Protein backbone atom coordinates (compact mmCIF):
# COMPACT_ATOMS: atom_id res chain seq x y z
CA MET A 1 10.75 -10.13 -29.50
CA ASP A 2 12.47 -7.37 -27.48
CA SER A 3 15.63 -7.87 -25.44
CA ASP A 4 13.81 -7.62 -22.07
CA ARG A 5 11.50 -10.47 -23.01
CA ILE A 6 14.44 -12.61 -24.20
CA HIS A 7 16.20 -11.86 -20.92
CA GLN A 8 13.11 -12.90 -18.96
CA ILE A 9 12.88 -16.22 -20.84
CA VAL A 10 16.59 -16.96 -20.28
CA LEU A 11 16.16 -16.11 -16.60
CA GLU A 12 13.23 -18.50 -16.24
CA GLU A 13 15.25 -21.32 -17.81
CA LEU A 14 18.20 -20.53 -15.55
CA GLN A 15 15.85 -20.64 -12.58
CA LYS A 16 14.83 -24.19 -13.48
CA VAL A 17 18.46 -25.30 -13.78
CA LEU A 18 19.58 -23.69 -10.53
CA GLY A 19 16.51 -24.99 -8.73
CA SER A 20 17.36 -28.56 -9.67
CA GLN A 21 21.04 -28.18 -8.76
CA ARG A 22 20.60 -26.66 -5.32
CA GLY A 23 20.25 -29.12 -2.46
CA ALA A 24 17.43 -29.30 0.03
CA SER A 25 19.55 -27.42 2.59
CA SER A 26 19.56 -24.29 0.41
CA ALA A 27 15.86 -24.43 -0.47
CA PRO A 28 13.49 -21.89 1.03
CA PRO A 29 11.85 -22.91 4.30
CA SER A 30 8.83 -25.17 3.90
CA ARG A 31 6.67 -22.90 6.05
CA SER A 32 5.56 -19.71 4.41
CA ALA A 33 5.16 -16.38 6.16
CA GLY A 34 3.66 -14.87 3.02
CA LYS A 35 4.89 -13.04 -0.05
CA LEU A 36 7.02 -9.92 0.03
CA LEU A 37 7.34 -7.78 -3.08
CA VAL A 38 10.99 -6.67 -3.16
CA LEU A 39 11.63 -3.54 -5.20
CA CYS A 40 15.27 -2.98 -6.16
CA THR A 41 16.33 0.20 -7.93
CA GLY A 42 19.96 0.97 -8.59
CA CYS A 43 22.42 3.46 -7.27
CA GLU A 44 26.19 3.63 -7.35
CA GLY A 45 26.52 2.28 -3.83
CA CYS A 46 24.46 -0.87 -4.42
CA GLY A 47 26.06 -4.18 -5.20
CA PRO A 48 25.76 -7.92 -4.56
CA GLN A 49 26.60 -7.43 -0.87
CA SER A 50 23.47 -5.31 -0.48
CA LEU A 51 21.32 -8.45 -0.77
CA GLU A 52 22.47 -9.70 2.63
CA PRO A 53 19.61 -8.19 4.72
CA LEU A 54 17.11 -10.17 2.63
CA GLU A 55 18.62 -13.46 3.83
CA LEU A 56 16.97 -12.97 7.23
CA LEU A 57 13.58 -12.46 5.64
CA ARG A 58 13.96 -15.57 3.50
CA ALA A 59 15.08 -17.59 6.52
CA GLU A 60 11.88 -16.54 8.31
CA GLY A 61 9.81 -18.12 5.56
CA TYR A 62 8.93 -15.09 3.46
CA GLN A 63 8.57 -15.78 -0.25
CA LEU A 64 10.47 -13.05 -2.08
CA VAL A 65 9.14 -11.66 -5.35
CA PHE A 66 11.73 -9.37 -6.95
CA ALA A 67 11.18 -6.45 -9.31
CA LEU A 68 14.54 -5.23 -10.61
CA SER A 69 15.15 -1.97 -12.42
CA HIS A 70 17.61 -1.70 -15.30
CA SER A 71 19.94 0.45 -13.20
CA PHE A 72 20.02 -2.10 -10.37
CA GLN A 73 21.00 -4.82 -12.82
CA LEU A 74 24.08 -2.82 -13.80
CA THR A 75 25.59 -3.56 -10.38
CA THR A 76 23.70 -6.75 -9.49
CA PRO A 77 22.66 -8.91 -12.46
CA SER A 78 19.38 -10.76 -12.17
CA GLU A 79 21.27 -14.05 -12.52
CA HIS A 80 23.15 -13.22 -9.32
CA VAL A 81 19.87 -12.57 -7.50
CA LEU A 82 18.44 -15.85 -8.73
CA ALA A 83 21.56 -17.80 -7.78
CA ARG A 84 21.40 -16.36 -4.28
CA PHE A 85 17.64 -16.85 -3.89
CA PRO A 86 16.75 -19.99 -5.85
CA GLY A 87 13.10 -20.29 -6.64
CA ALA A 88 12.48 -16.57 -6.26
CA GLU A 89 10.11 -14.93 -8.71
CA ILE A 90 11.87 -12.15 -10.65
CA HIS A 91 10.30 -9.45 -12.84
CA LEU A 92 12.36 -7.31 -15.19
CA GLN A 93 9.77 -5.69 -17.43
CA PHE A 94 6.33 -4.12 -17.26
CA PRO A 95 3.61 -6.71 -16.54
CA SER A 96 0.07 -6.14 -17.71
CA PRO A 97 -2.01 -3.83 -15.48
CA GLU A 98 -3.91 -6.85 -14.14
CA LYS A 99 -0.67 -8.70 -13.37
CA LEU A 100 0.80 -5.63 -11.70
CA ARG A 101 -2.23 -5.22 -9.45
CA GLY A 102 -2.11 -8.94 -8.69
CA LEU A 103 1.58 -8.82 -7.71
CA VAL A 104 0.81 -6.14 -5.16
CA SER A 105 -2.47 -7.57 -3.84
CA GLU A 106 -0.93 -11.03 -3.28
CA SER A 107 1.95 -9.60 -1.22
CA LYS A 108 1.84 -8.86 2.48
CA ALA A 109 4.02 -5.80 1.97
CA LEU A 110 6.25 -4.01 -0.49
CA ILE A 111 9.82 -3.44 0.61
CA ALA A 112 12.35 -1.30 -1.21
CA PRO A 113 15.75 -2.04 0.33
CA TYR A 114 17.49 -0.27 -2.58
CA LEU A 115 15.49 2.84 -3.47
CA SER A 116 17.29 5.32 -5.71
CA ARG A 117 16.78 9.06 -5.47
CA THR A 118 15.41 9.04 -9.02
CA THR A 119 12.68 6.52 -8.26
CA ALA A 120 11.85 8.15 -4.93
CA THR A 121 11.55 11.61 -6.47
CA LYS A 122 9.37 10.42 -9.37
CA THR A 123 7.09 8.48 -7.03
CA SER A 124 6.68 11.45 -4.70
CA LEU A 125 5.51 13.48 -7.71
CA GLY A 126 3.15 10.78 -9.01
CA ILE A 127 5.27 10.00 -12.11
CA THR A 128 4.90 6.37 -13.23
CA ASP A 129 7.23 5.83 -16.18
CA SER A 130 9.05 2.74 -14.91
CA LEU A 131 8.38 -0.63 -13.31
CA PRO A 132 9.56 0.53 -9.85
CA THR A 133 7.42 3.68 -9.81
CA LYS A 134 4.33 1.81 -11.02
CA LEU A 135 4.70 -0.88 -8.36
CA LEU A 136 5.41 1.60 -5.59
CA LEU A 137 2.41 3.78 -6.37
CA GLU A 138 0.17 0.71 -6.82
CA ALA A 139 1.19 -0.53 -3.36
CA LEU A 140 0.39 2.87 -1.85
CA THR A 141 -2.93 2.95 -3.70
CA GLN A 142 -3.83 -0.48 -2.28
CA LYS A 143 -2.66 0.73 1.16
CA LYS A 144 -0.15 -2.09 1.43
CA PRO A 145 2.49 -1.78 4.17
CA THR A 146 5.44 -0.19 2.36
CA LEU A 147 8.96 -0.12 3.80
CA ALA A 148 11.90 1.62 2.09
CA ALA A 149 15.56 2.05 2.90
CA ARG A 150 16.72 5.57 3.61
CA ASN A 151 20.36 4.68 2.88
CA CYS A 152 20.34 6.07 -0.67
CA LEU A 153 18.08 9.04 0.11
CA ASP A 154 18.64 10.63 3.49
CA PRO A 155 21.52 13.14 3.62
CA ASP A 156 21.13 13.28 7.40
CA ALA A 157 21.56 9.52 7.92
CA ALA A 158 24.41 8.25 10.07
CA PRO A 159 27.68 7.88 8.14
CA GLY A 160 27.52 4.11 8.29
CA GLU A 161 24.05 4.08 6.75
CA LYS A 162 24.90 6.09 3.62
CA SER A 163 25.49 3.66 0.77
CA CYS A 164 25.75 6.32 -1.95
CA PRO A 165 29.20 7.97 -2.05
CA GLY A 166 27.84 11.32 -3.24
CA LEU A 167 25.05 11.62 -0.67
CA ALA A 168 27.14 13.28 2.03
CA ALA A 169 28.57 15.79 -0.44
CA LEU A 170 25.24 17.14 -1.66
CA PRO A 171 24.95 20.94 -1.47
CA GLU A 172 22.37 22.23 0.99
CA PRO A 173 19.65 23.02 -1.63
CA LEU A 174 19.78 19.40 -2.84
CA ARG A 175 19.84 18.15 0.75
CA ARG A 176 16.62 20.07 1.41
CA SER A 177 15.13 18.59 -1.76
CA ALA A 178 16.04 15.06 -0.59
CA ARG A 179 14.39 15.71 2.78
CA ASP A 180 11.26 16.96 0.99
CA VAL A 181 11.09 13.76 -1.08
CA ILE A 182 11.27 11.61 2.05
CA HIS A 183 8.59 13.74 3.72
CA ARG A 184 6.22 13.49 0.73
CA LEU A 185 6.65 9.71 0.58
CA GLU A 186 5.98 9.43 4.31
CA LEU A 187 2.76 11.38 3.82
CA LEU A 188 1.81 8.88 1.10
CA GLY A 189 2.31 5.99 3.53
CA VAL A 190 5.95 4.88 3.11
CA THR A 191 7.84 3.84 6.25
CA PHE A 192 11.60 4.44 6.18
CA ALA A 193 14.31 2.51 8.00
CA ALA A 194 18.00 1.86 7.69
CA ARG A 195 18.70 -1.17 5.52
CA SER A 196 20.43 -2.92 8.41
CA ASP A 197 17.22 -2.60 10.44
CA PHE A 198 14.92 -3.90 7.72
CA PHE A 199 14.10 -7.20 9.37
CA VAL A 200 13.11 -5.66 12.72
CA ALA A 201 11.24 -2.80 11.02
CA LEU A 202 9.27 -5.17 8.80
CA VAL A 203 8.32 -7.54 11.63
CA THR A 204 7.24 -4.55 13.73
CA MET A 205 5.20 -3.13 10.85
CA LEU A 206 3.39 -6.39 10.08
CA ARG A 207 2.70 -7.70 13.58
CA PRO A 208 -0.79 -7.05 14.94
CA PRO A 209 -0.87 -4.53 17.81
CA ALA A 210 -0.98 -5.89 21.32
CA ALA A 211 -4.18 -5.47 23.30
CA ASP A 212 -2.68 -2.68 25.41
CA GLU A 213 -1.62 -0.81 22.25
CA LEU A 214 -5.10 -0.66 20.79
CA PRO A 215 -6.79 2.73 21.02
CA PRO A 216 -9.70 2.88 23.47
CA ILE A 217 -13.09 2.26 21.94
CA LYS A 218 -15.27 5.31 22.25
CA PRO A 219 -18.94 4.55 22.87
CA LEU A 220 -21.13 5.64 20.01
CA PRO A 221 -23.84 8.15 20.86
CA LEU A 222 -27.27 6.60 21.02
CA ALA A 223 -29.28 7.47 17.96
CA LYS A 224 -32.63 9.10 18.55
CA PRO A 225 -35.55 6.92 17.49
CA ARG A 226 -36.94 8.05 14.15
CA VAL A 227 -40.53 9.25 13.87
CA PHE A 228 -42.54 8.35 10.77
CA VAL A 229 -45.74 9.91 9.47
CA THR A 230 -47.64 7.19 7.64
CA ARG A 231 -50.70 6.97 5.46
CA GLU A 232 -52.62 5.48 8.38
CA ASP A 233 -51.88 8.60 10.46
CA LEU A 234 -53.39 10.81 7.76
CA GLN A 235 -56.41 8.52 7.29
CA GLU A 236 -57.21 8.94 10.98
CA ALA A 237 -56.83 12.73 10.62
CA LYS A 238 -59.22 12.70 7.67
CA ILE A 239 -61.79 10.70 9.66
CA ARG A 240 -61.55 13.34 12.37
CA GLY A 241 -62.21 15.97 9.71
CA GLU A 242 -58.84 17.68 10.06
CA LYS A 243 -57.48 19.69 7.11
CA SER A 244 -53.88 19.76 8.34
CA TYR A 245 -51.52 17.40 10.10
CA PRO A 246 -48.73 18.45 12.48
CA VAL A 247 -45.40 16.89 11.45
CA PRO A 248 -42.88 16.63 14.32
CA ALA A 249 -39.40 18.08 13.70
CA GLY A 250 -37.16 15.50 12.04
CA ALA A 251 -40.04 13.15 11.24
CA ILE A 252 -40.00 11.18 7.98
CA VAL A 253 -43.15 11.40 5.88
CA THR A 254 -43.61 8.27 3.79
CA ASP A 255 -44.34 8.53 0.07
CA LEU A 256 -47.79 6.98 0.52
CA ALA A 257 -48.57 9.54 3.23
CA ARG A 258 -47.57 12.41 0.93
CA GLU A 259 -49.75 11.05 -1.90
CA PHE A 260 -52.72 10.66 0.48
CA ALA A 261 -52.26 14.19 1.83
CA GLN A 262 -52.08 15.65 -1.67
CA TYR A 263 -55.14 13.75 -2.86
CA TRP A 264 -57.31 14.74 0.15
CA ALA A 265 -55.84 18.27 0.44
CA ILE A 266 -54.44 17.71 3.90
CA ALA A 267 -51.68 20.23 4.64
CA LEU A 268 -48.50 18.84 6.23
CA MET A 269 -47.46 21.53 8.70
CA PRO A 270 -44.55 21.74 11.14
CA LYS A 271 -45.83 20.68 14.53
CA ASP A 272 -45.55 24.11 16.14
CA GLU A 273 -47.54 25.76 13.32
CA GLY A 274 -50.17 23.04 13.30
CA LYS A 275 -51.10 23.52 16.94
């Protein structure tokens, strides 16, 4: 049994213990606003304090399902996440393809409040060699609402929004590369926001549009009635002794009509030529 699996088993047992020790006041709200798949990848600026924005989402009744990368666990151990969010579902290793698709399909949205430059760059290039990249691309494939923090990625973010110490010091070629990564992910369907604005951005993204925000409905053009040439039409032509039948432009000749015409040597001619 590998170390990741052992870690997962220990985490599940710890979850049971913590769940029984925490009082009703610290339990998640009884009402559920739906599941959110929370993707956490590590960077040097992330730590336990970076979990604070998720408290608002939990208080609103969202059920948080965490997927933690190895690098994120270096600064924020999974036990710390579980202690802070008792009852949360936590994934540390690759699930089966069916389980992975299920995790995404059961969630209202995927949010990545801690998205490292490594994971963002790989995802923008279609590389899926880790749990975070697989989940992120699966969410985009399923067209799930996807919200990511720009704090660890955007060199042009406000000083207070940059959580990575080295982000502001990037040379200009790397700054352009970081902007390109954000642009490619936006084209794939990722919405970016500052981590401090996650709650508002998520609620805005998930709420249905108001009636006055809906685009006007354009009337569909009326379809022209279709004209059919049937076997009965050709039978009548045969009775009249005609050797050809004028077919109107765009008319549909049924299979039975074609067989009848071939058998009785009745030529199917465009209407103008048959006059």
